[in-house]
Amino acid sequence: MKRAPSIDAELETVDVGTGPNLIPFFCALPRARKLTAWEYAESTVAWLQGEIRRNQVRSQWHHLGRDTRSVSARVEAAGRSSAYLES
């Protein structure tokens, strides 16, 4: 990350074979304009589809929301746009 382009860069991140652990994928949020995940394992695709259909977010995902909001606040405090975190 130290050598990554600035936060204002228009990077597009593609993760092939993302698997069920989405945390590394979401770590690209502060640098990427767009995230794309390609998953080929039927079991992982079925799990992800089930997560999307749930009425409530699992408690394990709440820390990601807190961390994302924290990063967004720091980005805005630095005078940069954080719209990419809200999409």
Protein backbone atom coordinates (compact mmCIF):
# COMPACT_ATOMS: atom_id res chain seq x y z
CA MET A 1 0.00 0.00 0.00
CA LYS A 2 2.91 2.38 0.55
CA ARG A 3 3.64 2.37 -3.18
CA ALA A 4 0.00 2.49 -4.26
CA PRO A 5 -1.17 5.49 -6.28
CA SER A 6 -2.82 8.28 -4.35
CA ILE A 7 -6.35 8.03 -3.05
CA ASP A 8 -7.50 10.30 -5.89
CA ALA A 9 -6.37 7.77 -8.51
CA GLU A 10 -9.01 6.10 -10.64
CA LEU A 11 -7.94 2.52 -10.02
CA GLU A 12 -10.19 -0.40 -10.82
CA THR A 13 -9.57 -3.47 -8.69
CA VAL A 14 -10.38 -6.97 -9.95
CA ASP A 15 -10.18 -9.94 -7.59
CA VAL A 16 -10.35 -13.32 -9.32
CA GLY A 17 -11.21 -16.23 -7.04
CA THR A 18 -12.27 -13.97 -4.19
CA GLY A 19 -13.51 -16.81 -2.01
CA PRO A 20 -15.64 -16.36 1.11
CA ASN A 21 -13.18 -14.01 2.85
CA LEU A 22 -14.09 -10.60 1.45
CA ILE A 23 -11.95 -8.55 3.85
CA PRO A 24 -8.85 -8.47 1.57
CA PHE A 25 -11.12 -7.50 -1.33
CA PHE A 26 -12.64 -4.62 0.63
CA CYS A 27 -9.21 -3.42 1.74
CA ALA A 28 -8.91 -1.91 -1.75
CA LEU A 29 -11.76 0.54 -1.01
CA PRO A 30 -9.50 3.44 0.00
CA ARG A 31 -7.57 3.20 -3.29
CA ALA A 32 -10.03 1.88 -5.84
CA ARG A 33 -12.72 3.70 -7.77
CA LYS A 34 -14.37 0.38 -8.64
CA LEU A 35 -14.21 -3.14 -7.19
CA THR A 36 -15.01 -6.24 -9.23
CA ALA A 37 -15.02 -9.78 -7.83
CA TRP A 38 -14.96 -12.86 -10.04
CA GLU A 39 -15.76 -16.09 -8.25
CA TYR A 40 -15.94 -19.48 -9.94
CA ALA A 41 -16.51 -21.84 -6.99
CA GLU A 42 -20.19 -22.76 -6.97
CA SER A 43 -20.20 -23.16 -3.20
CA THR A 44 -18.82 -19.65 -2.66
CA VAL A 45 -21.22 -18.13 -5.19
CA ALA A 46 -24.14 -19.86 -3.42
CA TRP A 47 -22.91 -18.57 -0.03
CA LEU A 48 -22.57 -14.99 -1.34
CA GLN A 49 -26.03 -15.12 -2.91
CA GLY A 50 -27.42 -16.33 0.42
CA GLU A 51 -25.74 -13.44 2.24
CA ILE A 52 -27.24 -10.95 -0.19
CA ARG A 53 -30.74 -12.42 0.30
CA ARG A 54 -30.58 -12.22 4.11
CA ASN A 55 -32.88 -9.73 5.82
CA GLN A 56 -30.17 -8.69 8.28
CA VAL A 57 -26.44 -8.24 8.07
CA ARG A 58 -24.51 -10.80 10.11
CA SER A 59 -22.72 -9.42 13.15
CA GLN A 60 -19.37 -10.38 11.61
CA TRP A 61 -19.88 -7.65 8.97
CA HIS A 62 -20.49 -4.82 11.42
CA HIS A 63 -16.77 -4.18 12.01
CA LEU A 64 -16.30 -3.67 8.27
CA GLY A 65 -18.97 -0.97 8.30
CA ARG A 66 -17.32 0.77 11.25
CA ASP A 67 -13.90 0.62 9.59
CA THR A 68 -15.27 1.89 6.29
CA ARG A 69 -16.95 4.85 8.00
CA SER A 70 -13.70 5.61 9.83
CA VAL A 71 -11.72 5.63 6.58
CA SER A 72 -14.39 7.76 4.94
CA ALA A 73 -14.17 10.34 7.74
CA ARG A 74 -10.38 10.53 7.45
CA VAL A 75 -10.56 10.91 3.67
CA GLU A 76 -13.11 13.72 3.98
CA ALA A 77 -11.03 15.41 6.69
CA ALA A 78 -8.12 15.43 4.25
CA GLY A 79 -10.34 17.24 1.74
CA ARG A 80 -10.84 14.31 -0.61
CA SER A 81 -14.05 12.78 -1.90
CA SER A 82 -15.32 9.60 -0.26
CA ALA A 83 -18.23 9.00 -2.64
CA TYR A 84 -16.63 5.73 -3.69
CA LEU A 85 -17.26 4.36 -0.20
CA GLU A 86 -20.97 5.00 -0.43
CA SER A 87 -21.66 3.26 -3.71
